[in-house]
Every structure is written in C-alpha cells, then in structure tokens.
PDB file of N, CA and C in Angstrom:
ATOM      1  N   MET A   1      12.218  64.217 -36.208  1.00  0.00           N
ATOM      2  CA  MET A   1      11.264  65.244 -36.608  1.00  0.00           C
ATOM      3  C   MET A   1      10.596  65.823 -35.360  1.00  0.00           C
ATOM      4  N   THR A   2      10.519  67.110 -35.321  1.00  0.00           N
ATOM      5  CA  THR A   2       9.869  67.796 -34.220  1.00  0.00           C
ATOM      6  C   THR A   2       8.362  67.674 -34.356  1.00  0.00           C
ATOM      7  N   GLU A   3       7.714  67.647 -33.236  1.00  0.00           N
ATOM      8  CA  GLU A   3       6.263  67.618 -33.226  1.00  0.00           C
ATOM      9  C   GLU A   3       5.783  68.812 -32.415  1.00  0.00           C
ATOM     10  N   ILE A   4       4.853  69.586 -32.975  1.00  0.00           N
ATOM     11  CA  ILE A   4       4.291  70.727 -32.266  1.00  0.00           C
ATOM     12  C   ILE A   4       2.903  70.341 -31.780  1.00  0.00           C
ATOM     13  N   LYS A   5       2.726  70.437 -30.478  1.00  0.00           N
ATOM     14  CA  LYS A   5       1.444  70.101 -29.870  1.00  0.00           C
ATOM     15  C   LYS A   5       0.863  71.338 -29.207  1.00  0.00           C
ATOM     16  N   ILE A   6      -0.403  71.275 -28.908  1.00  0.00           N
ATOM     17  CA  ILE A   6      -1.103  72.359 -28.218  1.00  0.00           C
ATOM     18  C   ILE A   6      -1.323  71.926 -26.770  1.00  0.00           C
ATOM     19  N   ILE A   7      -1.123  72.866 -25.850  1.00  0.00           N
ATOM     20  CA  ILE A   7      -1.352  72.587 -24.433  1.00  0.00           C
ATOM     21  C   ILE A   7      -2.328  73.632 -23.889  1.00  0.00           C
ATOM     22  N   ASP A   8      -3.203  73.191 -23.013  1.00  0.00           N
ATOM     23  CA  ASP A   8      -4.154  74.119 -22.397  1.00  0.00           C
ATOM     24  C   ASP A   8      -3.562  74.679 -21.100  1.00  0.00           C
ATOM     25  N   PRO A   9      -4.071  75.805 -20.627  1.00  0.00           N
ATOM     26  CA  PRO A   9      -3.518  76.441 -19.428  1.00  0.00           C
ATOM     27  C   PRO A   9      -3.493  75.549 -18.184  1.00  0.00           C
ATOM     28  N   LYS A  10      -4.545  74.794 -17.934  1.00  0.00           N
ATOM     29  CA  LYS A  10      -4.594  73.967 -16.715  1.00  0.00           C
ATOM     30  C   LYS A  10      -3.521  72.872 -16.742  1.00  0.00           C
ATOM     31  N   THR A  11      -3.300  72.262 -17.899  1.00  0.00           N
ATOM     32  CA  THR A  11      -2.246  71.244 -18.014  1.00  0.00           C
ATOM     33  C   THR A  11      -0.886  71.883 -17.798  1.00  0.00           C
ATOM     34  N   LEU A  12      -0.676  73.057 -18.400  1.00  0.00           N
ATOM     35  CA  LEU A  12       0.587  73.764 -18.204  1.00  0.00           C
ATOM     36  C   LEU A  12       0.807  74.095 -16.732  1.00  0.00           C
ATOM     37  N   GLU A  13      -0.239  74.512 -16.046  1.00  0.00           N
ATOM     38  CA  GLU A  13      -0.118  74.808 -14.611  1.00  0.00           C
ATOM     39  C   GLU A  13       0.397  73.581 -13.856  1.00  0.00           C
ATOM     40  N   THR A  14      -0.121  72.407 -14.191  1.00  0.00           N
ATOM     41  CA  THR A  14       0.309  71.165 -13.549  1.00  0.00           C
ATOM     42  C   THR A  14       1.776  70.872 -13.862  1.00  0.00           C
ATOM     43  N   TRP A  15       2.149  71.023 -15.118  1.00  0.00           N
ATOM     44  CA  TRP A  15       3.540  70.779 -15.517  1.00  0.00           C
ATOM     45  C   TRP A  15       4.500  71.733 -14.804  1.00  0.00           C
ATOM     46  N   LEU A  16       4.124  73.010 -14.712  1.00  0.00           N
ATOM     47  CA  LEU A  16       4.992  73.984 -14.045  1.00  0.00           C
ATOM     48  C   LEU A  16       5.124  73.661 -12.560  1.00  0.00           C
ATOM     49  N   ALA A  17       4.038  73.247 -11.943  1.00  0.00           N
ATOM     50  CA  ALA A  17       4.067  72.907 -10.516  1.00  0.00           C
ATOM     51  C   ALA A  17       4.992  71.734 -10.231  1.00  0.00           C
ATOM     52  N   SER A  18       5.095  70.815 -11.183  1.00  0.00           N
ATOM     53  CA  SER A  18       5.956  69.644 -10.990  1.00  0.00           C
ATOM     54  C   SER A  18       7.314  69.806 -11.681  1.00  0.00           C
ATOM     55  N   ASN A  19       7.618  71.024 -12.137  1.00  0.00           N
ATOM     56  CA  ASN A  19       8.888  71.313 -12.798  1.00  0.00           C
ATOM     57  C   ASN A  19       9.127  70.372 -13.987  1.00  0.00           C
ATOM     58  N   ASP A  20       8.062  70.134 -14.740  1.00  0.00           N
ATOM     59  CA  ASP A  20       8.095  69.154 -15.819  1.00  0.00           C
ATOM     60  C   ASP A  20       8.341  69.776 -17.193  1.00  0.00           C
ATOM     61  N   CYS A  21       8.511  71.109 -17.246  1.00  0.00           N
ATOM     62  CA  CYS A  21       8.713  71.754 -18.539  1.00  0.00           C
ATOM     63  C   CYS A  21       9.464  73.061 -18.365  1.00  0.00           C
ATOM     64  N   VAL A  22       9.884  73.595 -19.491  1.00  0.00           N
ATOM     65  CA  VAL A  22      10.459  74.935 -19.542  1.00  0.00           C
ATOM     66  C   VAL A  22       9.470  75.793 -20.324  1.00  0.00           C
ATOM     67  N   LEU A  23       9.116  76.940 -19.779  1.00  0.00           N
ATOM     68  CA  LEU A  23       8.157  77.841 -20.412  1.00  0.00           C
ATOM     69  C   LEU A  23       8.902  79.036 -20.986  1.00  0.00           C
ATOM     70  N   ILE A  24       8.759  79.231 -22.299  1.00  0.00           N
ATOM     71  CA  ILE A  24       9.421  80.338 -22.980  1.00  0.00           C
ATOM     72  C   ILE A  24       8.367  81.318 -23.470  1.00  0.00           C
ATOM     73  N   ASP A  25       8.519  82.564 -23.060  1.00  0.00           N
ATOM     74  CA  ASP A  25       7.629  83.660 -23.444  1.00  0.00           C
ATOM     75  C   ASP A  25       8.311  84.412 -24.587  1.00  0.00           C
ATOM     76  N   VAL A  26       7.730  84.355 -25.792  1.00  0.00           N
ATOM     77  CA  VAL A  26       8.368  84.972 -26.959  1.00  0.00           C
ATOM     78  C   VAL A  26       7.882  86.405 -27.230  1.00  0.00           C
ATOM     79  N   ARG A  27       7.175  86.979 -26.262  1.00  0.00           N
ATOM     80  CA  ARG A  27       6.751  88.373 -26.424  1.00  0.00           C
ATOM     81  C   ARG A  27       7.951  89.304 -26.238  1.00  0.00           C
ATOM     82  N   GLU A  28       7.749  90.542 -26.610  1.00  0.00           N
ATOM     83  CA  GLU A  28       8.800  91.544 -26.450  1.00  0.00           C
ATOM     84  C   GLU A  28       8.998  91.855 -24.961  1.00  0.00           C
ATOM     85  N   PRO A  29      10.200  92.299 -24.587  1.00  0.00           N
ATOM     86  CA  PRO A  29      10.475  92.576 -23.167  1.00  0.00           C
ATOM     87  C   PRO A  29       9.483  93.530 -22.501  1.00  0.00           C
ATOM     88  N   PHE A  30       9.012  94.545 -23.212  1.00  0.00           N
ATOM     89  CA  PHE A  30       8.065  95.474 -22.593  1.00  0.00           C
ATOM     90  C   PHE A  30       6.743  94.773 -22.268  1.00  0.00           C
ATOM     91  N   GLU A  31       6.333  93.802 -23.090  1.00  0.00           N
ATOM     92  CA  GLU A  31       5.102  93.051 -22.816  1.00  0.00           C
ATOM     93  C   GLU A  31       5.301  92.147 -21.598  1.00  0.00           C
ATOM     94  N   TYR A  32       6.454  91.488 -21.564  1.00  0.00           N
ATOM     95  CA  TYR A  32       6.813  90.593 -20.462  1.00  0.00           C
ATOM     96  C   TYR A  32       6.843  91.356 -19.135  1.00  0.00           C
ATOM     97  N   LYS A  33       7.377  92.570 -19.161  1.00  0.00           N
ATOM     98  CA  LYS A  33       7.469  93.373 -17.942  1.00  0.00           C
ATOM     99  C   LYS A  33       6.101  93.805 -17.430  1.00  0.00           C
ATOM    100  N   GLU A  34       5.135  93.960 -18.330  1.00  0.00           N
ATOM    101  CA  GLU A  34       3.784  94.358 -17.920  1.00  0.00           C
ATOM    102  C   GLU A  34       3.075  93.245 -17.168  1.00  0.00           C
ATOM    103  N   VAL A  35       3.133  92.030 -17.710  1.00  0.00           N
ATOM    104  CA  VAL A  35       2.480  90.879 -17.095  1.00  0.00           C
ATOM    105  C   VAL A  35       3.154  89.615 -17.611  1.00  0.00           C
ATOM    106  N   CYS A  36       3.424  88.679 -16.689  1.00  0.00           N
ATOM    107  CA  CYS A  36       4.070  87.434 -17.110  1.00  0.00           C
ATOM    108  C   CYS A  36       3.682  86.285 -16.183  1.00  0.00           C
ATOM    109  N   ILE A  37       3.918  85.090 -16.666  1.00  0.00           N
ATOM    110  CA  ILE A  37       3.769  83.883 -15.856  1.00  0.00           C
ATOM    111  C   ILE A  37       5.081  83.728 -15.099  1.00  0.00           C
ATOM    112  N   ALA A  38       5.012  83.493 -13.810  1.00  0.00           N
ATOM    113  CA  ALA A  38       6.193  83.528 -12.944  1.00  0.00           C
ATOM    114  C   ALA A  38       7.366  82.683 -13.452  1.00  0.00           C
ATOM    115  N   GLN A  39       7.116  81.503 -13.951  1.00  0.00           N
ATOM    116  CA  GLN A  39       8.211  80.608 -14.343  1.00  0.00           C
ATOM    117  C   GLN A  39       8.709  80.837 -15.770  1.00  0.00           C
ATOM    118  N   ALA A  40       8.107  81.762 -16.486  1.00  0.00           N
ATOM    119  CA  ALA A  40       8.461  81.969 -17.894  1.00  0.00           C
ATOM    120  C   ALA A  40       9.818  82.637 -18.061  1.00  0.00           C
ATOM    121  N   ILE A  41      10.531  82.181 -19.078  1.00  0.00           N
ATOM    122  CA  ILE A  41      11.794  82.778 -19.492  1.00  0.00           C
ATOM    123  C   ILE A  41      11.478  83.631 -20.717  1.00  0.00           C
ATOM    124  N   ASN A  42      11.833  84.898 -20.679  1.00  0.00           N
ATOM    125  CA  ASN A  42      11.532  85.783 -21.804  1.00  0.00           C
ATOM    126  C   ASN A  42      12.647  85.727 -22.843  1.00  0.00           C
ATOM    127  N   ILE A  43      12.306  85.176 -24.005  1.00  0.00           N
ATOM    128  CA  ILE A  43      13.194  85.189 -25.166  1.00  0.00           C
ATOM    129  C   ILE A  43      12.346  85.681 -26.339  1.00  0.00           C
ATOM    130  N   PRO A  44      12.474  86.953 -26.718  1.00  0.00           N
ATOM    131  CA  PRO A  44      11.663  87.470 -27.814  1.00  0.00           C
ATOM    132  C   PRO A  44      11.795  86.613 -29.076  1.00  0.00           C
ATOM    133  N   LEU A  45      10.729  86.542 -29.830  1.00  0.00           N
ATOM    134  CA  LEU A  45      10.701  85.720 -31.041  1.00  0.00           C
ATOM    135  C   LEU A  45      11.891  86.003 -31.943  1.00  0.00           C
ATOM    136  N   SER A  46      12.268  87.263 -32.077  1.00  0.00           N
ATOM    137  CA  SER A  46      13.381  87.636 -32.959  1.00  0.00           C
ATOM    138  C   SER A  46      14.728  87.085 -32.498  1.00  0.00           C
ATOM    139  N   GLN A  47      14.836  86.681 -31.234  1.00  0.00           N
ATOM    140  CA  GLN A  47      16.093  86.162 -30.685  1.00  0.00           C
ATOM    141  C   GLN A  47      16.028  84.678 -30.348  1.00  0.00           C
ATOM    142  N   LEU A  48      14.895  84.058 -30.604  1.00  0.00           N
ATOM    143  CA  LEU A  48      14.647  82.696 -30.137  1.00  0.00           C
ATOM    144  C   LEU A  48      15.686  81.688 -30.621  1.00  0.00           C
ATOM    145  N   LEU A  49      15.973  81.671 -31.897  1.00  0.00           N
ATOM    146  CA  LEU A  49      16.886  80.657 -32.425  1.00  0.00           C
ATOM    147  C   LEU A  49      18.287  80.799 -31.857  1.00  0.00           C
ATOM    148  N   VAL A  50      18.756  82.017 -31.643  1.00  0.00           N
ATOM    149  CA  VAL A  50      20.087  82.234 -31.078  1.00  0.00           C
ATOM    150  C   VAL A  50      20.117  81.811 -29.618  1.00  0.00           C
ATOM    151  N   LYS A  51      19.160  82.275 -28.851  1.00  0.00           N
ATOM    152  CA  LYS A  51      19.152  82.021 -27.410  1.00  0.00           C
ATOM    153  C   LYS A  51      18.878  80.559 -27.065  1.00  0.00           C
ATOM    154  N   ILE A  52      18.005  79.897 -27.820  1.00  0.00           N
ATOM    155  CA  ILE A  52      17.667  78.502 -27.503  1.00  0.00           C
ATOM    156  C   ILE A  52      18.882  77.604 -27.672  1.00  0.00           C
ATOM    157  N   ASN A  53      19.738  77.922 -28.625  1.00  0.00           N
ATOM    158  CA  ASN A  53      20.935  77.120 -28.851  1.00  0.00           C
ATOM    159  C   ASN A  53      21.963  77.298 -27.742  1.00  0.00           C
ATOM    160  N   GLU A  54      21.846  78.383 -26.972  1.00  0.00           N
ATOM    161  CA  GLU A  54      22.738  78.623 -25.836  1.00  0.00           C
ATOM    162  C   GLU A  54      22.290  77.860 -24.591  1.00  0.00           C
ATOM    163  N   ALA A  55      21.070  77.376 -24.581  1.00  0.00           N
ATOM    164  CA  ALA A  55      20.489  76.733 -23.395  1.00  0.00           C
ATOM    165  C   ALA A  55      20.584  75.209 -23.522  1.00  0.00           C
ATOM    166  N   HIS A  56      21.699  74.666 -23.118  1.00  0.00           N
ATOM    167  CA  HIS A  56      21.944  73.228 -23.259  1.00  0.00           C
ATOM    168  C   HIS A  56      21.087  72.382 -22.321  1.00  0.00           C
ATOM    169  N   ASP A  57      20.584  72.953 -21.240  1.00  0.00           N
ATOM    170  CA  ASP A  57      19.816  72.179 -20.262  1.00  0.00           C
ATOM    171  C   ASP A  57      18.377  71.932 -20.712  1.00  0.00           C
ATOM    172  N   LEU A  58      18.003  72.375 -21.893  1.00  0.00           N
ATOM    173  CA  LEU A  58      16.639  72.199 -22.372  1.00  0.00           C
ATOM    174  C   LEU A  58      16.416  70.887 -23.111  1.00  0.00           C
ATOM    175  N   LYS A  59      17.476  70.173 -23.403  1.00  0.00           N
ATOM    176  CA  LYS A  59      17.354  68.991 -24.244  1.00  0.00           C
ATOM    177  C   LYS A  59      16.458  67.899 -23.672  1.00  0.00           C
ATOM    178  N   ASN A  60      16.405  67.748 -22.375  1.00  0.00           N
ATOM    179  CA  ASN A  60      15.597  66.686 -21.776  1.00  0.00           C
ATOM    180  C   ASN A  60      14.306  67.192 -21.159  1.00  0.00           C
ATOM    181  N   LYS A  61      13.916  68.395 -21.493  1.00  0.00           N
ATOM    182  CA  LYS A  61      12.701  68.991 -20.932  1.00  0.00           C
ATOM    183  C   LYS A  61      11.664  69.203 -22.032  1.00  0.00           C
ATOM    184  N   LYS A  62      10.415  69.200 -21.621  1.00  0.00           N
ATOM    185  CA  LYS A  62       9.353  69.622 -22.530  1.00  0.00           C
ATOM    186  C   LYS A  62       9.483  71.134 -22.661  1.00  0.00           C
ATOM    187  N   ILE A  63       9.352  71.637 -23.869  1.00  0.00           N
ATOM    188  CA  ILE A  63       9.432  73.074 -24.078  1.00  0.00           C
ATOM    189  C   ILE A  63       8.059  73.576 -24.487  1.00  0.00           C
ATOM    190  N   VAL A  64       7.537  74.505 -23.678  1.00  0.00           N
ATOM    191  CA  VAL A  64       6.258  75.144 -23.960  1.00  0.00           C
ATOM    192  C   VAL A  64       6.566  76.587 -24.326  1.00  0.00           C
ATOM    193  N   VAL A  65       6.009  77.031 -25.447  1.00  0.00           N
ATOM    194  CA  VAL A  65       6.222  78.389 -25.924  1.00  0.00           C
ATOM    195  C   VAL A  65       4.892  79.133 -25.832  1.00  0.00           C
ATOM    196  N   HIS A  66       4.955  80.391 -25.390  1.00  0.00           N
ATOM    197  CA  HIS A  66       3.717  81.181 -25.344  1.00  0.00           C
ATOM    198  C   HIS A  66       3.993  82.628 -25.707  1.00  0.00           C
ATOM    199  N   CYS A  67       2.927  83.302 -26.099  1.00  0.00           N
ATOM    200  CA  CYS A  67       2.963  84.732 -26.398  1.00  0.00           C
ATOM    201  C   CYS A  67       1.680  85.332 -25.826  1.00  0.00           C
ATOM    202  N   LYS A  68       1.139  86.352 -26.468  1.00  0.00           N
ATOM    203  CA  LYS A  68      -0.092  86.960 -25.952  1.00  0.00           C
ATOM    204  C   LYS A  68      -1.321  86.114 -26.277  1.00  0.00           C
ATOM    205  N   ALA A  69      -1.424  85.658 -27.546  1.00  0.00           N
ATOM    206  CA  ALA A  69      -2.632  84.941 -27.961  1.00  0.00           C
ATOM    207  C   ALA A  69      -2.367  83.609 -28.661  1.00  0.00           C
ATOM    208  N   GLY A  70      -1.114  83.266 -28.889  1.00  0.00           N
ATOM    209  CA  GLY A  70      -0.787  81.969 -29.476  1.00  0.00           C
ATOM    210  C   GLY A  70      -0.237  81.990 -30.891  1.00  0.00           C
ATOM    211  N   ILE A  71      -0.222  83.149 -31.532  1.00  0.00           N
ATOM    212  CA  ILE A  71       0.245  83.221 -32.916  1.00  0.00           C
ATOM    213  C   ILE A  71       1.770  83.286 -32.989  1.00  0.00           C
ATOM    214  N   ARG A  72       2.375  84.226 -32.262  1.00  0.00           N
ATOM    215  CA  ARG A  72       3.843  84.323 -32.276  1.00  0.00           C
ATOM    216  C   ARG A  72       4.484  83.067 -31.707  1.00  0.00           C
ATOM    217  N   SER A  73       3.853  82.488 -30.699  1.00  0.00           N
ATOM    218  CA  SER A  73       4.433  81.274 -30.112  1.00  0.00           C
ATOM    219  C   SER A  73       4.396  80.115 -31.103  1.00  0.00           C
ATOM    220  N   MET A  74       3.350  80.014 -31.915  1.00  0.00           N
ATOM    221  CA  MET A  74       3.321  78.976 -32.946  1.00  0.00           C
ATOM    222  C   MET A  74       4.414  79.247 -33.980  1.00  0.00           C
ATOM    223  N   MET A  75       4.618  80.510 -34.315  1.00  0.00           N
ATOM    224  CA  MET A  75       5.706  80.865 -35.232  1.00  0.00           C
ATOM    225  C   MET A  75       7.052  80.476 -34.619  1.00  0.00           C
ATOM    226  N   GLY A  76       7.191  80.669 -33.316  1.00  0.00           N
ATOM    227  CA  GLY A  76       8.416  80.276 -32.619  1.00  0.00           C
ATOM    228  C   GLY A  76       8.624  78.780 -32.660  1.00  0.00           C
ATOM    229  N   CYS A  77       7.564  78.023 -32.421  1.00  0.00           N
ATOM    230  CA  CYS A  77       7.649  76.561 -32.495  1.00  0.00           C
ATOM    231  C   CYS A  77       8.051  76.124 -33.907  1.00  0.00           C
ATOM    232  N   GLN A  78       7.449  76.742 -34.911  1.00  0.00           N
ATOM    233  CA  GLN A  78       7.763  76.394 -36.293  1.00  0.00           C
ATOM    234  C   GLN A  78       9.204  76.748 -36.645  1.00  0.00           C
ATOM    235  N   ALA A  79       9.698  77.883 -36.137  1.00  0.00           N
ATOM    236  CA  ALA A  79      11.090  78.272 -36.380  1.00  0.00           C
ATOM    237  C   ALA A  79      12.050  77.275 -35.733  1.00  0.00           C
ATOM    238  N   LEU A  80      11.739  76.856 -34.508  1.00  0.00           N
ATOM    239  CA  LEU A  80      12.585  75.859 -33.835  1.00  0.00           C
ATOM    240  C   LEU A  80      12.590  74.544 -34.613  1.00  0.00           C
ATOM    241  N   GLU A  81      11.419  74.153 -35.085  1.00  0.00           N
ATOM    242  CA  GLU A  81      11.303  72.928 -35.873  1.00  0.00           C
ATOM    243  C   GLU A  81      12.146  73.028 -37.148  1.00  0.00           C
ATOM    244  N   LYS A  82      12.018  74.155 -37.849  1.00  0.00           N
ATOM    245  CA  LYS A  82      12.757  74.369 -39.100  1.00  0.00           C
ATOM    246  C   LYS A  82      14.263  74.397 -38.854  1.00  0.00           C
ATOM    247  N   ASP A  83      14.662  74.892 -37.677  1.00  0.00           N
ATOM    248  CA  ASP A  83      16.076  74.994 -37.320  1.00  0.00           C
ATOM    249  C   ASP A  83      16.663  73.668 -36.859  1.00  0.00           C
ATOM    250  N   GLY A  84      15.825  72.626 -36.786  1.00  0.00           N
ATOM    251  CA  GLY A  84      16.339  71.305 -36.451  1.00  0.00           C
ATOM    252  C   GLY A  84      16.146  70.870 -35.017  1.00  0.00           C
ATOM    253  N   PHE A  85      15.348  71.604 -34.245  1.00  0.00           N
ATOM    254  CA  PHE A  85      15.071  71.175 -32.878  1.00  0.00           C
ATOM    255  C   PHE A  85      14.428  69.801 -32.921  1.00  0.00           C
ATOM    256  N   THR A  86      14.906  68.891 -32.095  1.00  0.00           N
ATOM    257  CA  THR A  86      14.471  67.498 -32.202  1.00  0.00           C
ATOM    258  C   THR A  86      13.477  67.050 -31.139  1.00  0.00           C
ATOM    259  N   GLY A  87      13.145  67.912 -30.201  1.00  0.00           N
ATOM    260  CA  GLY A  87      12.215  67.519 -29.138  1.00  0.00           C
ATOM    261  C   GLY A  87      10.772  67.781 -29.502  1.00  0.00           C
ATOM    262  N   VAL A  88       9.911  67.565 -28.541  1.00  0.00           N
ATOM    263  CA  VAL A  88       8.496  67.884 -28.715  1.00  0.00           C
ATOM    264  C   VAL A  88       8.279  69.309 -28.218  1.00  0.00           C
ATOM    265  N   LEU A  89       7.647  70.100 -29.034  1.00  0.00           N
ATOM    266  CA  LEU A  89       7.342  71.483 -28.687  1.00  0.00           C
ATOM    267  C   LEU A  89       5.856  71.612 -28.398  1.00  0.00           C
ATOM    268  N   TRP A  90       5.535  72.446 -27.439  1.00  0.00           N
ATOM    269  CA  TRP A  90       4.141  72.682 -27.061  1.00  0.00           C
ATOM    270  C   TRP A  90       3.852  74.165 -27.199  1.00  0.00           C
ATOM    271  N   ASN A  91       2.721  74.494 -27.780  1.00  0.00           N
ATOM    272  CA  ASN A  91       2.271  75.872 -27.907  1.00  0.00           C
ATOM    273  C   ASN A  91       1.095  76.067 -26.944  1.00  0.00           C
ATOM    274  N   LEU A  92       1.194  77.078 -26.077  1.00  0.00           N
ATOM    275  CA  LEU A  92       0.104  77.355 -25.142  1.00  0.00           C
ATOM    276  C   LEU A  92      -1.077  77.914 -25.915  1.00  0.00           C
ATOM    277  N   GLU A  93      -2.147  77.159 -25.930  1.00  0.00           N
ATOM    278  CA  GLU A  93      -3.360  77.550 -26.648  1.00  0.00           C
ATOM    279  C   GLU A  93      -3.899  78.871 -26.101  1.00  0.00           C
ATOM    280  N   GLY A  94      -4.001  79.871 -26.968  1.00  0.00           N
ATOM    281  CA  GLY A  94      -4.531  81.164 -26.550  1.00  0.00           C
ATOM    282  C   GLY A  94      -3.550  82.049 -25.818  1.00  0.00           C
ATOM    283  N   GLY A  95      -2.321  81.591 -25.642  1.00  0.00           N
ATOM    284  CA  GLY A  95      -1.275  82.392 -25.011  1.00  0.00           C
ATOM    285  C   GLY A  95      -1.573  82.788 -23.576  1.00  0.00           C
ATOM    286  N   ILE A  96      -0.880  83.825 -23.132  1.00  0.00           N
ATOM    287  CA  ILE A  96      -1.050  84.280 -21.753  1.00  0.00           C
ATOM    288  C   ILE A  96      -2.474  84.791 -21.518  1.00  0.00           C
ATOM    289  N   GLN A  97      -3.138  85.217 -22.587  1.00  0.00           N
ATOM    290  CA  GLN A  97      -4.519  85.680 -22.436  1.00  0.00           C
ATOM    291  C   GLN A  97      -5.416  84.543 -21.945  1.00  0.00           C
ATOM    292  N   SER A  98      -5.257  83.339 -22.515  1.00  0.00           N
ATOM    293  CA  SER A  98      -6.075  82.207 -22.059  1.00  0.00           C
ATOM    294  C   SER A  98      -5.673  81.776 -20.648  1.00  0.00           C
ATOM    295  N   TRP A  99      -4.393  81.920 -20.319  1.00  0.00           N
ATOM    296  CA  TRP A  99      -3.906  81.624 -18.961  1.00  0.00           C
ATOM    297  C   TRP A  99      -4.625  82.532 -17.954  1.00  0.00           C
ATOM    298  N   MET A 100      -4.676  83.825 -18.260  1.00  0.00           N
ATOM    299  CA  MET A 100      -5.344  84.776 -17.356  1.00  0.00           C
ATOM    300  C   MET A 100      -6.857  84.554 -17.345  1.00  0.00           C
ATOM    301  N   ASP A 101      -7.440  84.249 -18.496  1.00  0.00           N
ATOM    302  CA  ASP A 101      -8.880  83.981 -18.566  1.00  0.00           C
ATOM    303  C   ASP A 101      -9.265  82.769 -17.721  1.00  0.00           C
ATOM    304  N   ALA A 102      -8.315  81.833 -17.549  1.00  0.00           N
ATOM    305  CA  ALA A 102      -8.557  80.648 -16.723  1.00  0.00           C
ATOM    306  C   ALA A 102      -8.368  80.957 -15.236  1.00  0.00           C
ATOM    307  N   GLY A 103      -8.024  82.202 -14.917  1.00  0.00           N
ATOM    308  CA  GLY A 103      -7.850  82.608 -13.530  1.00  0.00           C
ATOM    309  C   GLY A 103      -6.542  82.159 -12.910  1.00  0.00           C
ATOM    310  N   LEU A 104      -5.562  81.848 -13.743  1.00  0.00           N
ATOM    311  CA  LEU A 104      -4.270  81.379 -13.239  1.00  0.00           C
ATOM    312  C   LEU A 104      -3.372  82.575 -12.916  1.00  0.00           C
ATOM    313  N   PRO A 105      -2.422  82.385 -11.994  1.00  0.00           N
ATOM    314  CA  PRO A 105      -1.644  83.514 -11.483  1.00  0.00           C
ATOM    315  C   PRO A 105      -0.633  84.084 -12.482  1.00  0.00           C
ATOM    316  N   VAL A 106      -0.507  85.408 -12.433  1.00  0.00           N
ATOM    317  CA  VAL A 106       0.509  86.111 -13.208  1.00  0.00           C
ATOM    318  C   VAL A 106       1.179  87.122 -12.304  1.00  0.00           C
ATOM    319  N   ILE A 107       2.312  87.578 -12.751  1.00  0.00           N
ATOM    320  CA  ILE A 107       2.980  88.691 -12.101  1.00  0.00           C
ATOM    321  C   ILE A 107       2.655  89.919 -12.940  1.00  0.00           C
ATOM    322  N   SER A 108       2.025  90.896 -12.328  1.00  0.00           N
ATOM    323  CA  SER A 108       1.581  92.078 -13.063  1.00  0.00           C
ATOM    324  C   SER A 108       2.208  93.334 -12.467  1.00  0.00           C
ATOM    325  N   LYS A 109       2.707  94.177 -13.336  1.00  0.00           N
ATOM    326  CA  LYS A 109       3.299  95.429 -12.877  1.00  0.00           C
ATOM    327  C   LYS A 109       2.451  96.609 -13.321  1.00  0.00           C
ATOM    328  N   LYS A 110       1.182  96.354 -13.590  1.00  0.00           N
ATOM    329  CA  LYS A 110       0.271  97.423 -14.022  1.00  0.00           C
ATOM    330  C   LYS A 110      -0.172  98.255 -12.846  1.00  0.00           C
TER     331      LYS A 110
END
C-alpha cells in the first residue's frame, strides 16, 4: 500500500542537496517554464501515470510531487497510489509557492 506524506520546503531542500529524492513538478509546461525548482522533472498531471511507468530508476527513490499550491500534486500522489505505485509518495506542502515563500532558490524566466 502506498503512503502519501507531506514534506515541508526546508526538508525537501535537504533531500535535494543529498540527491535523496526525485522531484516531480505536475504543473503545465508553460507554468514550469515561468519558474521552477532546478532539480524538478516536469511531468504534467495529465501525463503522470504514463510517464512515471517509463521511469524505471524511480523505484528505489523517494518521490516528491509538487505543483503551484499543493492541490494538483496531491491529486497526482493519489493517482499514483490508485494506479498501484508501491513506494512512499511525498507531497510538497504548499507547492512551489511555499518553496519560494521560504526563500529557497528557483529558476525564473520572468
């Protein structure tokens, strides 16, 4: 059974620094292009189930999902769970907005 947990931005920053997780951004490509977390892989929510099954190297990694505010990413976690994903899933609390509010670095093309 999959377990969906919540992660805060500072903990995620630590995990990314130690290469301890895979970060998936489920926002649309135009949102990702505007501003993103450097290590994030953009897989829009509508394509998540197809693309995640193509990524065999994710099986032994923590998977953190994020969006703008945390709603779509929770939907993504729930879809992965329903589809039979067997690992632990993490939802970034507050999405990229909380990451930026915490003063953490992003790549911005604004």
